[in-house]
N, C-alpha and C. Protein backbone atom coordinates (compact mmCIF):
# COMPACT_ATOMS: atom_id res chain seq x y z
N MET A 1 128.73 171.64 143.05
CA MET A 1 129.32 170.40 142.59
C MET A 1 129.45 170.46 141.07
N ALA A 2 130.61 170.75 140.61
CA ALA A 2 130.85 170.85 139.18
C ALA A 2 131.35 169.52 138.65
N VAL A 3 131.04 169.28 137.39
CA VAL A 3 131.46 168.03 136.76
C VAL A 3 132.98 167.97 136.66
N ALA A 4 133.62 169.12 136.49
CA ALA A 4 135.08 169.15 136.36
C ALA A 4 135.78 168.68 137.63
N SER A 5 135.16 168.91 138.78
CA SER A 5 135.79 168.47 140.03
C SER A 5 135.58 166.98 140.29
N HIS A 6 134.69 166.36 139.56
CA HIS A 6 134.44 164.92 139.69
C HIS A 6 134.55 164.26 138.31
N PRO A 7 135.77 163.89 137.91
CA PRO A 7 135.92 163.31 136.57
C PRO A 7 135.16 162.01 136.38
N TRP A 8 134.96 161.23 137.43
CA TRP A 8 134.21 159.99 137.32
C TRP A 8 132.77 160.26 136.91
N LEU A 9 132.22 161.42 137.37
CA LEU A 9 130.86 161.78 137.01
C LEU A 9 130.77 162.11 135.52
N ALA A 10 131.78 162.79 135.01
CA ALA A 10 131.81 163.11 133.58
C ALA A 10 131.90 161.84 132.74
N VAL A 11 132.72 160.90 133.17
CA VAL A 11 132.86 159.63 132.45
C VAL A 11 131.54 158.87 132.49
N TYR A 12 130.91 158.83 133.66
CA TYR A 12 129.64 158.12 133.79
C TYR A 12 128.57 158.75 132.90
N LEU A 13 128.46 160.08 132.91
CA LEU A 13 127.43 160.75 132.11
C LEU A 13 127.69 160.59 130.61
N CYS A 14 128.95 160.69 130.20
CA CYS A 14 129.27 160.48 128.78
C CYS A 14 128.94 159.05 128.36
N GLY A 15 129.28 158.10 129.21
CA GLY A 15 128.95 156.70 128.91
C GLY A 15 127.45 156.49 128.84
N ALA A 16 126.71 157.13 129.74
CA ALA A 16 125.26 157.00 129.73
C ALA A 16 124.65 157.55 128.45
N VAL A 17 125.15 158.69 128.00
CA VAL A 17 124.63 159.28 126.76
C VAL A 17 124.95 158.39 125.57
N VAL A 18 126.18 157.89 125.50
CA VAL A 18 126.59 157.05 124.37
C VAL A 18 125.77 155.76 124.34
N VAL A 19 125.62 155.10 125.48
CA VAL A 19 124.87 153.85 125.51
C VAL A 19 123.40 154.08 125.17
N THR A 20 122.82 155.17 125.66
CA THR A 20 121.42 155.47 125.35
C THR A 20 121.23 155.71 123.86
N VAL A 21 122.12 156.48 123.25
CA VAL A 21 122.00 156.77 121.81
C VAL A 21 122.19 155.50 120.99
N VAL A 22 123.16 154.67 121.38
CA VAL A 22 123.39 153.41 120.65
C VAL A 22 122.19 152.49 120.79
N ALA A 23 121.62 152.41 122.00
CA ALA A 23 120.45 151.55 122.20
C ALA A 23 119.25 152.05 121.39
N LEU A 24 119.05 153.35 121.34
CA LEU A 24 117.95 153.90 120.53
C LEU A 24 118.18 153.65 119.04
N ALA A 25 119.42 153.83 118.59
CA ALA A 25 119.73 153.58 117.19
C ALA A 25 119.53 152.11 116.83
N PHE A 26 119.95 151.22 117.72
CA PHE A 26 119.78 149.80 117.46
C PHE A 26 118.30 149.43 117.43
N ALA A 27 117.52 150.01 118.34
CA ALA A 27 116.08 149.73 118.35
C ALA A 27 115.42 150.22 117.07
N ALA A 28 115.80 151.38 116.61
CA ALA A 28 115.23 151.91 115.36
C ALA A 28 115.66 151.06 114.17
N TRP A 29 116.91 150.59 114.18
CA TRP A 29 117.40 149.78 113.06
C TRP A 29 116.74 148.41 113.04
N SER A 30 116.60 147.80 114.23
CA SER A 30 116.09 146.44 114.26
C SER A 30 114.57 146.37 114.09
N ARG A 31 113.88 147.47 114.28
CA ARG A 31 112.42 147.49 114.15
C ARG A 31 111.99 148.51 113.10
N LYS A 32 112.58 148.41 111.94
CA LYS A 32 112.28 149.35 110.85
C LYS A 32 110.80 149.32 110.47
N ASP A 33 110.23 148.14 110.45
CA ASP A 33 108.87 147.98 109.97
C ASP A 33 107.81 148.39 110.99
N ASP A 34 108.15 148.35 112.27
CA ASP A 34 107.18 148.61 113.33
C ASP A 34 107.54 149.90 114.06
N ALA A 35 107.00 151.03 113.60
CA ALA A 35 107.34 152.33 114.16
C ALA A 35 106.84 152.47 115.60
N ALA A 36 105.68 151.89 115.92
CA ALA A 36 105.15 151.98 117.28
C ALA A 36 106.06 151.27 118.27
N ALA A 37 106.57 150.12 117.90
CA ALA A 37 107.47 149.38 118.78
C ALA A 37 108.80 150.11 118.93
N ALA A 38 109.25 150.78 117.88
CA ALA A 38 110.50 151.52 117.96
C ALA A 38 110.37 152.70 118.93
N ARG A 39 109.18 153.30 118.99
CA ARG A 39 108.96 154.41 119.93
C ARG A 39 108.97 153.92 121.38
N LEU A 40 108.57 152.69 121.60
CA LEU A 40 108.56 152.13 122.96
C LEU A 40 109.95 151.76 123.45
N ALA A 41 110.95 151.85 122.60
CA ALA A 41 112.31 151.47 122.97
C ALA A 41 112.99 152.53 123.81
N GLY A 42 112.37 153.68 124.02
CA GLY A 42 113.01 154.75 124.77
C GLY A 42 113.28 154.40 126.22
N ALA A 43 112.31 153.79 126.90
CA ALA A 43 112.49 153.46 128.32
C ALA A 43 113.61 152.43 128.52
N PRO A 44 113.65 151.32 127.75
CA PRO A 44 114.78 150.39 127.93
C PRO A 44 116.13 151.02 127.56
N ALA A 45 116.12 151.92 126.58
CA ALA A 45 117.37 152.59 126.21
C ALA A 45 117.86 153.50 127.34
N LEU A 46 116.94 154.22 127.97
CA LEU A 46 117.32 155.06 129.11
C LEU A 46 117.80 154.22 130.29
N LEU A 47 117.17 153.09 130.52
CA LEU A 47 117.60 152.19 131.58
C LEU A 47 119.00 151.64 131.29
N ALA A 48 119.24 151.25 130.06
CA ALA A 48 120.57 150.76 129.69
C ALA A 48 121.60 151.86 129.83
N GLY A 49 121.21 153.10 129.48
CA GLY A 49 122.13 154.22 129.63
C GLY A 49 122.46 154.49 131.09
N ALA A 50 121.46 154.38 131.96
CA ALA A 50 121.69 154.63 133.38
C ALA A 50 122.53 153.52 134.01
N LEU A 51 122.35 152.31 133.52
CA LEU A 51 123.07 151.16 134.09
C LEU A 51 124.21 150.68 133.20
N TRP A 52 124.80 151.59 132.40
CA TRP A 52 125.80 151.15 131.43
C TRP A 52 127.01 150.47 132.07
N PRO A 53 127.44 150.82 133.28
CA PRO A 53 128.57 150.04 133.83
C PRO A 53 128.21 148.57 134.03
N VAL A 54 126.98 148.31 134.45
CA VAL A 54 126.53 146.92 134.63
C VAL A 54 126.47 146.22 133.28
N VAL A 55 125.98 146.92 132.26
CA VAL A 55 125.92 146.36 130.91
C VAL A 55 127.33 146.07 130.39
N ALA A 56 128.26 146.99 130.63
CA ALA A 56 129.64 146.81 130.17
C ALA A 56 130.30 145.61 130.86
N VAL A 57 130.11 145.50 132.17
CA VAL A 57 130.70 144.37 132.90
C VAL A 57 130.08 143.06 132.43
N GLY A 58 128.78 143.04 132.21
CA GLY A 58 128.12 141.84 131.70
C GLY A 58 128.64 141.44 130.33
N PHE A 59 128.86 142.43 129.46
CA PHE A 59 129.39 142.13 128.13
C PHE A 59 130.81 141.58 128.23
N VAL A 60 131.64 142.16 129.08
CA VAL A 60 133.01 141.66 129.25
C VAL A 60 133.00 140.24 129.80
N GLN A 61 132.12 139.97 130.75
CA GLN A 61 132.02 138.61 131.29
C GLN A 61 131.58 137.63 130.21
N TRP A 62 130.60 138.01 129.41
CA TRP A 62 130.16 137.13 128.32
C TRP A 62 131.31 136.87 127.35
N LEU A 63 132.07 137.91 127.02
CA LEU A 63 133.18 137.75 126.09
C LEU A 63 134.25 136.82 126.66
N LEU A 64 134.57 136.97 127.95
CA LEU A 64 135.56 136.09 128.57
C LEU A 64 135.09 134.64 128.60
N ILE A 65 133.83 134.42 128.91
CA ILE A 65 133.29 133.05 128.91
C ILE A 65 133.34 132.47 127.51
N HIS A 66 133.00 133.26 126.51
CA HIS A 66 133.03 132.78 125.12
C HIS A 66 134.46 132.41 124.72
N LEU A 67 135.42 133.27 125.03
CA LEU A 67 136.82 132.99 124.67
C LEU A 67 137.35 131.78 125.43
N LEU A 68 137.00 131.66 126.70
CA LEU A 68 137.44 130.51 127.48
C LEU A 68 136.85 129.21 126.95
N THR A 69 135.59 129.26 126.57
CA THR A 69 134.95 128.07 125.99
C THR A 69 135.63 127.67 124.69
N LYS A 70 135.93 128.64 123.85
CA LYS A 70 136.61 128.34 122.58
C LYS A 70 138.01 127.77 122.83
N ALA A 71 138.71 128.28 123.85
CA ALA A 71 140.06 127.82 124.13
C ALA A 71 140.07 126.41 124.72
N LEU A 72 139.04 126.06 125.48
CA LEU A 72 139.02 124.76 126.15
C LEU A 72 138.40 123.63 125.36
N GLU A 73 137.61 123.94 124.35
CA GLU A 73 136.97 122.85 123.61
C GLU A 73 137.99 122.15 122.72
N PRO A 74 137.90 120.83 122.65
CA PRO A 74 138.87 120.08 121.85
C PRO A 74 138.63 120.34 120.36
N PRO A 75 139.68 120.20 119.57
CA PRO A 75 139.49 120.39 118.13
C PRO A 75 138.56 119.32 117.57
N ARG A 76 137.73 119.72 116.68
CA ARG A 76 136.74 118.79 116.12
C ARG A 76 137.31 118.08 114.91
N LEU A 77 137.04 116.80 114.85
CA LEU A 77 137.41 116.01 113.68
C LEU A 77 136.20 115.86 112.78
N HIS A 78 136.44 115.98 111.51
CA HIS A 78 135.37 115.75 110.54
C HIS A 78 135.46 114.29 110.11
N ARG A 79 134.46 113.52 110.47
CA ARG A 79 134.49 112.08 110.17
C ARG A 79 134.58 111.82 108.67
N ALA A 80 134.05 112.70 107.87
CA ALA A 80 134.11 112.49 106.43
C ALA A 80 135.53 112.61 105.91
N ALA A 81 136.39 113.30 106.65
CA ALA A 81 137.76 113.50 106.19
C ALA A 81 138.68 112.35 106.60
N LEU A 82 138.22 111.42 107.41
CA LEU A 82 139.06 110.33 107.87
C LEU A 82 139.07 109.16 106.89
N ILE A 83 140.24 108.60 106.73
CA ILE A 83 140.39 107.40 105.92
C ILE A 83 140.87 106.31 106.87
N HIS A 84 140.19 105.18 106.92
CA HIS A 84 140.52 104.12 107.86
C HIS A 84 141.43 103.09 107.19
N TYR A 85 142.58 102.84 107.82
CA TYR A 85 143.50 101.80 107.39
C TYR A 85 143.69 100.84 108.54
N GLY A 86 142.89 99.82 108.63
CA GLY A 86 143.01 98.86 109.71
C GLY A 86 142.66 99.52 111.04
N SER A 87 143.59 99.45 112.00
CA SER A 87 143.33 100.01 113.32
C SER A 87 143.76 101.48 113.41
N ARG A 88 144.44 101.97 112.40
CA ARG A 88 144.87 103.38 112.42
C ARG A 88 143.89 104.24 111.66
N GLN A 89 143.82 105.46 112.06
CA GLN A 89 143.02 106.44 111.34
C GLN A 89 143.98 107.49 110.79
N VAL A 90 144.00 107.65 109.50
CA VAL A 90 144.86 108.65 108.88
C VAL A 90 143.96 109.75 108.35
N ALA A 91 144.25 110.95 108.73
CA ALA A 91 143.39 112.07 108.33
C ALA A 91 143.93 112.73 107.07
N THR A 92 143.03 113.41 106.41
CA THR A 92 143.44 114.18 105.25
C THR A 92 144.13 115.46 105.71
N ALA A 93 144.53 116.30 104.79
CA ALA A 93 145.30 117.50 105.10
C ALA A 93 144.52 118.50 105.92
N HIS A 94 143.19 118.44 105.92
CA HIS A 94 142.38 119.44 106.62
C HIS A 94 141.98 119.05 108.03
N SER A 95 142.39 117.92 108.52
CA SER A 95 142.00 117.50 109.87
C SER A 95 143.19 116.91 110.61
N ARG A 96 143.02 116.68 111.89
CA ARG A 96 144.08 116.21 112.77
C ARG A 96 144.33 114.71 112.55
N VAL A 97 145.55 114.26 112.80
CA VAL A 97 145.90 112.86 112.65
C VAL A 97 145.83 112.19 114.01
N ASP A 98 145.06 111.11 114.11
CA ASP A 98 144.96 110.31 115.33
C ASP A 98 145.44 108.89 115.02
N ALA A 99 146.48 108.46 115.67
CA ALA A 99 146.95 107.09 115.48
C ALA A 99 146.55 106.27 116.71
N ALA A 100 146.10 105.07 116.50
CA ALA A 100 145.65 104.24 117.61
C ALA A 100 146.83 103.55 118.26
């Protein structure tokens, strides 16, 4: 069973190596002061490397949820920017205009 005859296996193994190296580098970067804790990051990095398709799908799902949330939330008005004229609200140049 050669890797060349199974291109999906080559893609999976390359992805596993890349994710493992990135996870180890991130662990070393984020725990500069604690060398013992950085050494313990090997097992989670190997697990992330082995399960990188699950990690990738989870990241894509998180990104889609974030973008959908941003697209659906209404624009925010800054109350400090509103000037009240009777029953109408006239906004300054930096905010939306709402007329009653």
